[in-house]
PDB file of N, CA and C in Angstrom:
ATOM      1  N   MET A   1       1.036  -1.563  -0.072  1.00  0.00           N
ATOM      2  CA  MET A   1       0.251  -0.191  -0.014  1.00  0.00           C
ATOM      3  C   MET A   1       0.946   0.877  -0.151  1.00  0.00           C
ATOM      4  N   PRO A   2       0.922   1.693  -0.801  1.00  0.00           N
ATOM      5  CA  PRO A   2       1.740   3.447  -1.299  1.00  0.00           C
ATOM      6  C   PRO A   2       0.885   4.257   0.166  1.00  0.00           C
ATOM      7  N   LEU A   3       1.758   5.147   0.558  1.00  0.00           N
ATOM      8  CA  LEU A   3       2.562   5.883   1.748  1.00  0.00           C
ATOM      9  C   LEU A   3       1.601   7.553   1.633  1.00  0.00           C
ATOM     10  N   VAL A   4       0.649   7.980   1.839  1.00  0.00           N
ATOM     11  CA  VAL A   4       0.071   9.156   1.011  1.00  0.00           C
ATOM     12  C   VAL A   4       0.323  10.432   1.824  1.00  0.00           C
ATOM     13  N   PHE A   5       1.511  11.559   1.073  1.00  0.00           N
ATOM     14  CA  PHE A   5       1.273  12.807   1.993  1.00  0.00           C
ATOM     15  C   PHE A   5       0.255  14.418   1.376  1.00  0.00           C
ATOM     16  N   TYR A   6      -0.274  14.963   1.497  1.00  0.00           N
ATOM     17  CA  TYR A   6       0.346  16.158   1.125  1.00  0.00           C
ATOM     18  C   TYR A   6       1.335  16.975   1.011  1.00  0.00           C
ATOM     19  N   TYR A   7       1.754  17.977   0.410  1.00  0.00           N
ATOM     20  CA  TYR A   7       2.655  18.482  -0.161  1.00  0.00           C
ATOM     21  C   TYR A   7       2.953  20.932   0.159  1.00  0.00           C
ATOM     22  N   ARG A   8       3.307  21.785   0.726  1.00  0.00           N
ATOM     23  CA  ARG A   8       2.973  22.589   0.910  1.00  0.00           C
ATOM     24  C   ARG A   8       4.757  22.993   0.843  1.00  0.00           C
ATOM     25  N   ASP A   9       5.699  24.114   0.330  1.00  0.00           N
ATOM     26  CA  ASP A   9       6.582  24.871   1.476  1.00  0.00           C
ATOM     27  C   ASP A   9       6.232  25.960   1.035  1.00  0.00           C
ATOM     28  N   LYS A  10       7.851  27.096   1.817  1.00  0.00           N
ATOM     29  CA  LYS A  10       6.811  28.039   1.912  1.00  0.00           C
ATOM     30  C   LYS A  10       7.108  29.338   1.210  1.00  0.00           C
ATOM     31  N   ASP A  11       7.037  28.713  -0.484  1.00  0.00           N
ATOM     32  CA  ASP A  11       6.679  29.252  -1.198  1.00  0.00           C
ATOM     33  C   ASP A  11       5.307  29.576  -1.965  1.00  0.00           C
ATOM     34  N   LYS A  12       5.178  28.096  -0.755  1.00  0.00           N
ATOM     35  CA  LYS A  12       3.252  27.997  -1.268  1.00  0.00           C
ATOM     36  C   LYS A  12       3.246  27.111  -2.827  1.00  0.00           C
ATOM     37  N   HIS A  13       4.226  26.291  -2.914  1.00  0.00           N
ATOM     38  CA  HIS A  13       4.007  25.322  -4.070  1.00  0.00           C
ATOM     39  C   HIS A  13       2.957  23.907  -3.713  1.00  0.00           C
ATOM     40  N   GLU A  14       1.579  23.919  -3.512  1.00  0.00           N
ATOM     41  CA  GLU A  14       1.040  23.165  -2.976  1.00  0.00           C
ATOM     42  C   GLU A  14       0.684  21.622  -4.553  1.00  0.00           C
ATOM     43  N   ILE A  15       0.831  21.350  -3.561  1.00  0.00           N
ATOM     44  CA  ILE A  15       0.468  19.556  -4.101  1.00  0.00           C
ATOM     45  C   ILE A  15      -0.959  18.316  -3.648  1.00  0.00           C
ATOM     46  N   ASP A  16      -1.581  18.496  -4.243  1.00  0.00           N
ATOM     47  CA  ASP A  16      -2.358  18.668  -3.646  1.00  0.00           C
ATOM     48  C   ASP A  16      -2.527  16.784  -2.990  1.00  0.00           C
ATOM     49  N   LEU A  17      -1.748  15.677  -4.028  1.00  0.00           N
ATOM     50  CA  LEU A  17      -1.410  14.158  -3.246  1.00  0.00           C
ATOM     51  C   LEU A  17      -0.208  13.818  -3.509  1.00  0.00           C
ATOM     52  N   LEU A  18       0.494  13.158  -2.697  1.00  0.00           N
ATOM     53  CA  LEU A  18       1.622  12.797  -3.544  1.00  0.00           C
ATOM     54  C   LEU A  18       1.501  10.996  -2.917  1.00  0.00           C
ATOM     55  N   LEU A  19       2.093  10.753  -3.785  1.00  0.00           N
ATOM     56  CA  LEU A  19       1.691   8.648  -2.967  1.00  0.00           C
ATOM     57  C   LEU A  19       3.019   8.545  -3.378  1.00  0.00           C
ATOM     58  N   MET A  20       3.807   8.044  -2.213  1.00  0.00           N
ATOM     59  CA  MET A  20       5.271   7.357  -2.107  1.00  0.00           C
ATOM     60  C   MET A  20       5.176   5.772  -1.807  1.00  0.00           C
ATOM     61  N   GLU A  21       5.694   5.399  -3.483  1.00  0.00           N
ATOM     62  CA  GLU A  21       6.082   3.193  -3.187  1.00  0.00           C
ATOM     63  C   GLU A  21       6.948   2.780  -3.882  1.00  0.00           C
ATOM     64  N   ASN A  22       7.259   1.781  -3.185  1.00  0.00           N
ATOM     65  CA  ASN A  22       9.255   1.742  -4.090  1.00  0.00           C
ATOM     66  C   ASN A  22       9.612   2.778  -4.182  1.00  0.00           C
ATOM     67  N   GLY A  23      10.223   3.293  -2.818  1.00  0.00           N
ATOM     68  CA  GLY A  23      11.142   4.752  -3.533  1.00  0.00           C
ATOM     69  C   GLY A  23      10.422   6.072  -4.648  1.00  0.00           C
ATOM     70  N   THR A  24       9.135   5.870  -5.259  1.00  0.00           N
ATOM     71  CA  THR A  24       9.472   6.661  -6.184  1.00  0.00           C
ATOM     72  C   THR A  24       8.253   7.417  -6.110  1.00  0.00           C
ATOM     73  N   LEU A  25       8.046   8.456  -5.846  1.00  0.00           N
ATOM     74  CA  LEU A  25       6.945   9.761  -5.351  1.00  0.00           C
ATOM     75  C   LEU A  25       5.723   9.812  -6.644  1.00  0.00           C
ATOM     76  N   TYR A  26       4.899   9.604  -6.480  1.00  0.00           N
ATOM     77  CA  TYR A  26       3.117  10.646  -7.637  1.00  0.00           C
ATOM     78  C   TYR A  26       2.732  11.236  -7.169  1.00  0.00           C
ATOM     79  N   PRO A  27       2.685  12.630  -7.769  1.00  0.00           N
ATOM     80  CA  PRO A  27       2.236  13.716  -7.645  1.00  0.00           C
ATOM     81  C   PRO A  27       0.726  14.367  -8.092  1.00  0.00           C
ATOM     82  N   ILE A  28      -0.076  14.536  -7.422  1.00  0.00           N
ATOM     83  CA  ILE A  28      -1.459  14.040  -8.139  1.00  0.00           C
ATOM     84  C   ILE A  28      -1.893  15.745  -7.409  1.00  0.00           C
ATOM     85  N   LYS A  29      -2.568  16.674  -8.465  1.00  0.00           N
ATOM     86  CA  LYS A  29      -2.990  17.440  -8.720  1.00  0.00           C
ATOM     87  C   LYS A  29      -4.758  17.472  -9.382  1.00  0.00           C
ATOM     88  N   ILE A  30      -6.612  18.044  -8.350  1.00  0.00           N
ATOM     89  CA  ILE A  30      -6.807  17.586  -8.092  1.00  0.00           C
ATOM     90  C   ILE A  30      -7.347  19.378  -8.294  1.00  0.00           C
ATOM     91  N   LYS A  31      -8.273  19.361  -9.627  1.00  0.00           N
ATOM     92  CA  LYS A  31      -9.013  19.869 -10.655  1.00  0.00           C
ATOM     93  C   LYS A  31     -10.547  20.010 -10.997  1.00  0.00           C
ATOM     94  N   LYS A  32     -11.195  21.591 -10.206  1.00  0.00           N
ATOM     95  CA  LYS A  32     -12.530  21.334 -11.016  1.00  0.00           C
ATOM     96  C   LYS A  32     -13.352  21.350 -12.418  1.00  0.00           C
ATOM     97  N   ALA A  33     -11.794  22.166 -13.453  1.00  0.00           N
ATOM     98  CA  ALA A  33     -12.267  22.577 -14.329  1.00  0.00           C
ATOM     99  C   ALA A  33     -11.731  21.137 -14.976  1.00  0.00           C
ATOM    100  N   ALA A  34     -12.765  21.362 -16.473  1.00  0.00           N
ATOM    101  CA  ALA A  34     -12.414  19.746 -17.268  1.00  0.00           C
ATOM    102  C   ALA A  34     -10.923  20.533 -17.840  1.00  0.00           C
ATOM    103  N   SER A  35     -10.588  21.010 -18.267  1.00  0.00           N
ATOM    104  CA  SER A  35      -8.755  21.297 -19.176  1.00  0.00           C
ATOM    105  C   SER A  35      -7.578  22.661 -18.064  1.00  0.00           C
ATOM    106  N   PRO A  36      -7.774  22.075 -17.332  1.00  0.00           N
ATOM    107  CA  PRO A  36      -7.044  23.125 -16.281  1.00  0.00           C
ATOM    108  C   PRO A  36      -6.191  22.985 -17.020  1.00  0.00           C
ATOM    109  N   GLY A  37      -4.956  22.907 -18.159  1.00  0.00           N
ATOM    110  CA  GLY A  37      -3.798  23.027 -18.267  1.00  0.00           C
ATOM    111  C   GLY A  37      -3.028  23.157 -17.983  1.00  0.00           C
ATOM    112  N   SER A  38      -1.615  23.170 -18.416  1.00  0.00           N
ATOM    113  CA  SER A  38      -0.117  23.012 -17.799  1.00  0.00           C
ATOM    114  C   SER A  38       0.213  23.094 -15.897  1.00  0.00           C
ATOM    115  N   GLU A  39      -0.162  24.382 -16.036  1.00  0.00           N
ATOM    116  CA  GLU A  39      -0.112  24.859 -14.965  1.00  0.00           C
ATOM    117  C   GLU A  39      -0.632  24.420 -14.137  1.00  0.00           C
ATOM    118  N   SER A  40      -1.179  23.652 -14.352  1.00  0.00           N
ATOM    119  CA  SER A  40      -2.340  22.396 -12.742  1.00  0.00           C
ATOM    120  C   SER A  40      -0.607  21.765 -12.744  1.00  0.00           C
ATOM    121  N   VAL A  41       0.376  21.757 -13.106  1.00  0.00           N
ATOM    122  CA  VAL A  41       1.654  20.608 -12.970  1.00  0.00           C
ATOM    123  C   VAL A  41       3.053  21.352 -13.169  1.00  0.00           C
ATOM    124  N   LYS A  42       2.867  22.431 -12.848  1.00  0.00           N
ATOM    125  CA  LYS A  42       3.656  23.285 -11.916  1.00  0.00           C
ATOM    126  C   LYS A  42       4.426  23.169 -11.267  1.00  0.00           C
ATOM    127  N   HIS A  43       4.166  23.193 -10.113  1.00  0.00           N
ATOM    128  CA  HIS A  43       4.363  22.712  -9.030  1.00  0.00           C
ATOM    129  C   HIS A  43       5.427  21.648  -8.460  1.00  0.00           C
ATOM    130  N   PHE A  44       4.974  20.308  -9.249  1.00  0.00           N
ATOM    131  CA  PHE A  44       5.795  18.960  -9.344  1.00  0.00           C
ATOM    132  C   PHE A  44       6.678  19.417  -9.773  1.00  0.00           C
ATOM    133  N   LYS A  45       7.318  20.461 -10.001  1.00  0.00           N
ATOM    134  CA  LYS A  45       9.041  20.591 -10.055  1.00  0.00           C
ATOM    135  C   LYS A  45       9.542  20.975  -8.679  1.00  0.00           C
ATOM    136  N   ALA A  46       8.666  20.916  -7.324  1.00  0.00           N
ATOM    137  CA  ALA A  46       8.955  21.706  -6.170  1.00  0.00           C
ATOM    138  C   ALA A  46       9.849  19.782  -5.598  1.00  0.00           C
ATOM    139  N   LEU A  47       9.231  18.965  -6.520  1.00  0.00           N
ATOM    140  CA  LEU A  47       9.957  17.837  -6.171  1.00  0.00           C
ATOM    141  C   LEU A  47      11.010  17.476  -6.596  1.00  0.00           C
ATOM    142  N   GLN A  48      12.232  17.991  -7.744  1.00  0.00           N
ATOM    143  CA  GLN A  48      13.546  17.442  -7.661  1.00  0.00           C
ATOM    144  C   GLN A  48      14.209  17.518  -7.191  1.00  0.00           C
ATOM    145  N   PRO A  49      14.316  18.169  -6.035  1.00  0.00           N
ATOM    146  CA  PRO A  49      15.448  18.266  -5.127  1.00  0.00           C
ATOM    147  C   PRO A  49      15.667  16.792  -3.826  1.00  0.00           C
ATOM    148  N   VAL A  50      14.703  16.687  -4.191  1.00  0.00           N
ATOM    149  CA  VAL A  50      14.130  14.429  -3.457  1.00  0.00           C
ATOM    150  C   VAL A  50      14.974  13.645  -4.595  1.00  0.00           C
ATOM    151  N   THR A  51      15.157  13.882  -5.714  1.00  0.00           N
ATOM    152  CA  THR A  51      16.064  13.299  -6.994  1.00  0.00           C
ATOM    153  C   THR A  51      17.834  13.154  -6.845  1.00  0.00           C
ATOM    154  N   GLU A  52      18.703  14.174  -5.403  1.00  0.00           N
ATOM    155  CA  GLU A  52      19.510  14.114  -5.500  1.00  0.00           C
ATOM    156  C   GLU A  52      19.747  14.119  -4.103  1.00  0.00           C
ATOM    157  N   PRO A  53      20.933  12.992  -3.480  1.00  0.00           N
ATOM    158  CA  PRO A  53      20.736  12.834  -2.736  1.00  0.00           C
ATOM    159  C   PRO A  53      21.404  13.583  -1.353  1.00  0.00           C
ATOM    160  N   ALA A  54      22.179  14.413  -2.412  1.00  0.00           N
ATOM    161  CA  ALA A  54      23.233  15.277  -1.157  1.00  0.00           C
ATOM    162  C   ALA A  54      21.845  16.226  -0.791  1.00  0.00           C
ATOM    163  N   LYS A  55      21.508  16.969  -1.476  1.00  0.00           N
ATOM    164  CA  LYS A  55      20.628  18.397  -1.373  1.00  0.00           C
ATOM    165  C   LYS A  55      19.212  17.262  -0.226  1.00  0.00           C
ATOM    166  N   PHE A  56      19.000  16.427  -0.347  1.00  0.00           N
ATOM    167  CA  PHE A  56      17.448  15.718   0.470  1.00  0.00           C
ATOM    168  C   PHE A  56      17.974  15.460   1.566  1.00  0.00           C
ATOM    169  N   GLY A  57      19.770  15.143   2.772  1.00  0.00           N
ATOM    170  CA  GLY A  57      20.168  14.681   3.130  1.00  0.00           C
ATOM    171  C   GLY A  57      19.614  12.951   3.383  1.00  0.00           C
ATOM    172  N   ALA A  58      19.028  12.528   2.218  1.00  0.00           N
ATOM    173  CA  ALA A  58      18.496  11.013   2.407  1.00  0.00           C
ATOM    174  C   ALA A  58      19.362   9.841   1.579  1.00  0.00           C
ATOM    175  N   PRO A  59      20.121   8.745   2.364  1.00  0.00           N
ATOM    176  CA  PRO A  59      20.766   7.844   1.736  1.00  0.00           C
ATOM    177  C   PRO A  59      21.068   6.731   0.984  1.00  0.00           C
ATOM    178  N   HIS A  60      19.783   7.523  -0.151  1.00  0.00           N
ATOM    179  CA  HIS A  60      19.810   7.564  -1.650  1.00  0.00           C
ATOM    180  C   HIS A  60      18.445   8.465  -2.784  1.00  0.00           C
ATOM    181  N   LYS A  61      18.102   8.517  -3.521  1.00  0.00           N
ATOM    182  CA  LYS A  61      17.352   9.160  -4.533  1.00  0.00           C
ATOM    183  C   LYS A  61      16.012   8.099  -4.103  1.00  0.00           C
ATOM    184  N   LEU A  62      15.334   9.728  -4.300  1.00  0.00           N
ATOM    185  CA  LEU A  62      13.820   9.508  -4.755  1.00  0.00           C
ATOM    186  C   LEU A  62      13.737   8.854  -5.697  1.00  0.00           C
ATOM    187  N   GLU A  63      12.446   8.580  -6.776  1.00  0.00           N
ATOM    188  CA  GLU A  63      12.636   8.094  -8.456  1.00  0.00           C
ATOM    189  C   GLU A  63      11.190  10.035  -8.309  1.00  0.00           C
ATOM    190  N   VAL A  64      10.855  10.619  -8.816  1.00  0.00           N
ATOM    191  CA  VAL A  64       9.306  11.425  -8.553  1.00  0.00           C
ATOM    192  C   VAL A  64       8.908  10.749 -10.634  1.00  0.00           C
ATOM    193  N   GLY A  65       7.578   9.606 -10.499  1.00  0.00           N
ATOM    194  CA  GLY A  65       6.962   9.079 -11.401  1.00  0.00           C
ATOM    195  C   GLY A  65       6.202   9.942 -12.131  1.00  0.00           C
ATOM    196  N   LEU A  66       4.855  10.054 -13.123  1.00  0.00           N
ATOM    197  CA  LEU A  66       4.742  10.655 -13.314  1.00  0.00           C
ATOM    198  C   LEU A  66       3.218  11.210 -12.757  1.00  0.00           C
ATOM    199  N   GLY A  67       3.486  12.769 -13.276  1.00  0.00           N
ATOM    200  CA  GLY A  67       1.959  12.982 -12.541  1.00  0.00           C
ATOM    201  C   GLY A  67       0.849  12.914 -13.073  1.00  0.00           C
ATOM    202  N   THR A  68      -0.259  13.381 -12.194  1.00  0.00           N
ATOM    203  CA  THR A  68      -2.297  13.365 -12.508  1.00  0.00           C
ATOM    204  C   THR A  68      -2.518  14.222 -12.019  1.00  0.00           C
ATOM    205  N   THR A  69      -3.124  15.109 -12.441  1.00  0.00           N
ATOM    206  CA  THR A  69      -3.526  15.848 -12.382  1.00  0.00           C
ATOM    207  C   THR A  69      -5.381  15.664 -12.582  1.00  0.00           C
ATOM    208  N   ILE A  70      -5.832  15.573 -11.722  1.00  0.00           N
ATOM    209  CA  ILE A  70      -8.098  14.823 -11.126  1.00  0.00           C
ATOM    210  C   ILE A  70      -8.724  15.922 -12.704  1.00  0.00           C
ATOM    211  N   CYS A  71      -9.163  15.851 -12.905  1.00  0.00           N
ATOM    212  CA  CYS A  71     -10.197  16.686 -13.320  1.00  0.00           C
ATOM    213  C   CYS A  71     -11.538  16.250 -14.133  1.00  0.00           C
ATOM    214  N   VAL A  72     -11.950  17.342 -14.458  1.00  0.00           N
ATOM    215  CA  VAL A  72     -13.818  16.504 -15.043  1.00  0.00           C
ATOM    216  C   VAL A  72     -13.802  16.398 -16.327  1.00  0.00           C
ATOM    217  N   ALA A  73     -12.362  16.481 -17.153  1.00  0.00           N
ATOM    218  CA  ALA A  73     -12.468  16.494 -18.483  1.00  0.00           C
ATOM    219  C   ALA A  73     -12.973  14.668 -18.959  1.00  0.00           C
ATOM    220  N   ASN A  74     -12.952  14.655 -20.696  1.00  0.00           N
ATOM    221  CA  ASN A  74     -13.718  13.156 -21.083  1.00  0.00           C
ATOM    222  C   ASN A  74     -13.028  12.090 -21.464  1.00  0.00           C
ATOM    223  N   ASP A  75     -11.810  12.612 -21.528  1.00  0.00           N
ATOM    224  CA  ASP A  75     -10.861  12.123 -21.723  1.00  0.00           C
ATOM    225  C   ASP A  75      -9.532  11.828 -20.582  1.00  0.00           C
ATOM    226  N   LEU A  76      -8.915  10.994 -21.153  1.00  0.00           N
ATOM    227  CA  LEU A  76      -7.464  10.490 -20.133  1.00  0.00           C
ATOM    228  C   LEU A  76      -6.300  11.341 -21.127  1.00  0.00           C
ATOM    229  N   LEU A  77      -6.139  12.041 -21.553  1.00  0.00           N
ATOM    230  CA  LEU A  77      -5.085  13.044 -22.117  1.00  0.00           C
ATOM    231  C   LEU A  77      -3.622  13.324 -21.326  1.00  0.00           C
ATOM    232  N   PRO A  78      -3.067  13.042 -22.313  1.00  0.00           N
ATOM    233  CA  PRO A  78      -1.593  14.358 -21.692  1.00  0.00           C
ATOM    234  C   PRO A  78      -1.269  15.741 -21.327  1.00  0.00           C
ATOM    235  N   VAL A  79      -0.247  15.904 -20.727  1.00  0.00           N
ATOM    236  CA  VAL A  79      -0.080  17.278 -20.162  1.00  0.00           C
ATOM    237  C   VAL A  79       1.316  17.022 -20.908  1.00  0.00           C
ATOM    238  N   ASP A  80       2.493  16.663 -21.027  1.00  0.00           N
ATOM    239  CA  ASP A  80       3.512  16.779 -21.436  1.00  0.00           C
ATOM    240  C   ASP A  80       3.974  14.996 -21.059  1.00  0.00           C
ATOM    241  N   ARG A  81       5.260  15.076 -21.032  1.00  0.00           N
ATOM    242  CA  ARG A  81       5.484  13.686 -20.918  1.00  0.00           C
ATOM    243  C   ARG A  81       6.032  12.797 -20.091  1.00  0.00           C
ATOM    244  N   LYS A  82       5.613  13.886 -18.983  1.00  0.00           N
ATOM    245  CA  LYS A  82       5.614  12.848 -17.625  1.00  0.00           C
ATOM    246  C   LYS A  82       4.497  12.938 -16.799  1.00  0.00           C
ATOM    247  N   ASN A  83       3.703  13.893 -16.981  1.00  0.00           N
ATOM    248  CA  ASN A  83       1.603  14.385 -16.092  1.00  0.00           C
ATOM    249  C   ASN A  83       1.531  14.238 -16.864  1.00  0.00           C
ATOM    250  N   TRP A  84      -0.049  13.841 -16.740  1.00  0.00           N
ATOM    251  CA  TRP A  84      -1.071  13.274 -17.338  1.00  0.00           C
ATOM    252  C   TRP A  84      -2.911  13.620 -16.917  1.00  0.00           C
ATOM    253  N   TYR A  85      -3.678  14.184 -17.331  1.00  0.00           N
ATOM    254  CA  TYR A  85      -5.236  15.037 -17.469  1.00  0.00           C
ATOM    255  C   TYR A  85      -5.606  13.012 -17.010  1.00  0.00           C
ATOM    256  N   VAL A  86      -6.252  13.316 -15.876  1.00  0.00           N
ATOM    257  CA  VAL A  86      -6.665  11.497 -15.667  1.00  0.00           C
ATOM    258  C   VAL A  86      -8.267  12.108 -15.390  1.00  0.00           C
ATOM    259  N   PRO A  87      -9.789  11.644 -16.101  1.00  0.00           N
ATOM    260  CA  PRO A  87     -10.876  12.298 -15.755  1.00  0.00           C
ATOM    261  C   PRO A  87     -11.396  12.016 -14.247  1.00  0.00           C
ATOM    262  N   ALA A  88     -11.800  12.568 -14.078  1.00  0.00           N
ATOM    263  CA  ALA A  88     -12.387  11.851 -12.780  1.00  0.00           C
ATOM    264  C   ALA A  88     -13.349  10.940 -12.159  1.00  0.00           C
ATOM    265  N   TRP A  89     -14.156  10.987 -14.049  1.00  0.00           N
ATOM    266  CA  TRP A  89     -14.910   9.579 -13.597  1.00  0.00           C
ATOM    267  C   TRP A  89     -14.064   7.847 -13.510  1.00  0.00           C
ATOM    268  N   LEU A  90     -12.839   8.194 -13.522  1.00  0.00           N
ATOM    269  CA  LEU A  90     -12.187   7.659 -14.786  1.00  0.00           C
ATOM    270  C   LEU A  90     -11.064   7.157 -13.640  1.00  0.00           C
ATOM    271  N   ILE A  91     -11.300   7.424 -11.746  1.00  0.00           N
ATOM    272  CA  ILE A  91     -11.167   6.638 -10.428  1.00  0.00           C
ATOM    273  C   ILE A  91     -12.037   6.554 -10.134  1.00  0.00           C
TER     274      ILE A  91
END
């Protein structure tokens, strides 16, 4: 079973859900819009330091997996090569 977290930093970068499973973080945003735009995944970049063990202070690096924006879109659609819009009805 994955661990579930919420993320918000001092710069107000917010990620609604972070699932961590097998050393990989999966960021999730939840939006009411049908087409939230690429702005919905911009805060996922705040996770990049965890992929560098010296900055995070961990004995090994974590990976950042596919990001998801759950929204009211009709279809499963790519935002970019690492992020997807997932229709709420699909989950």
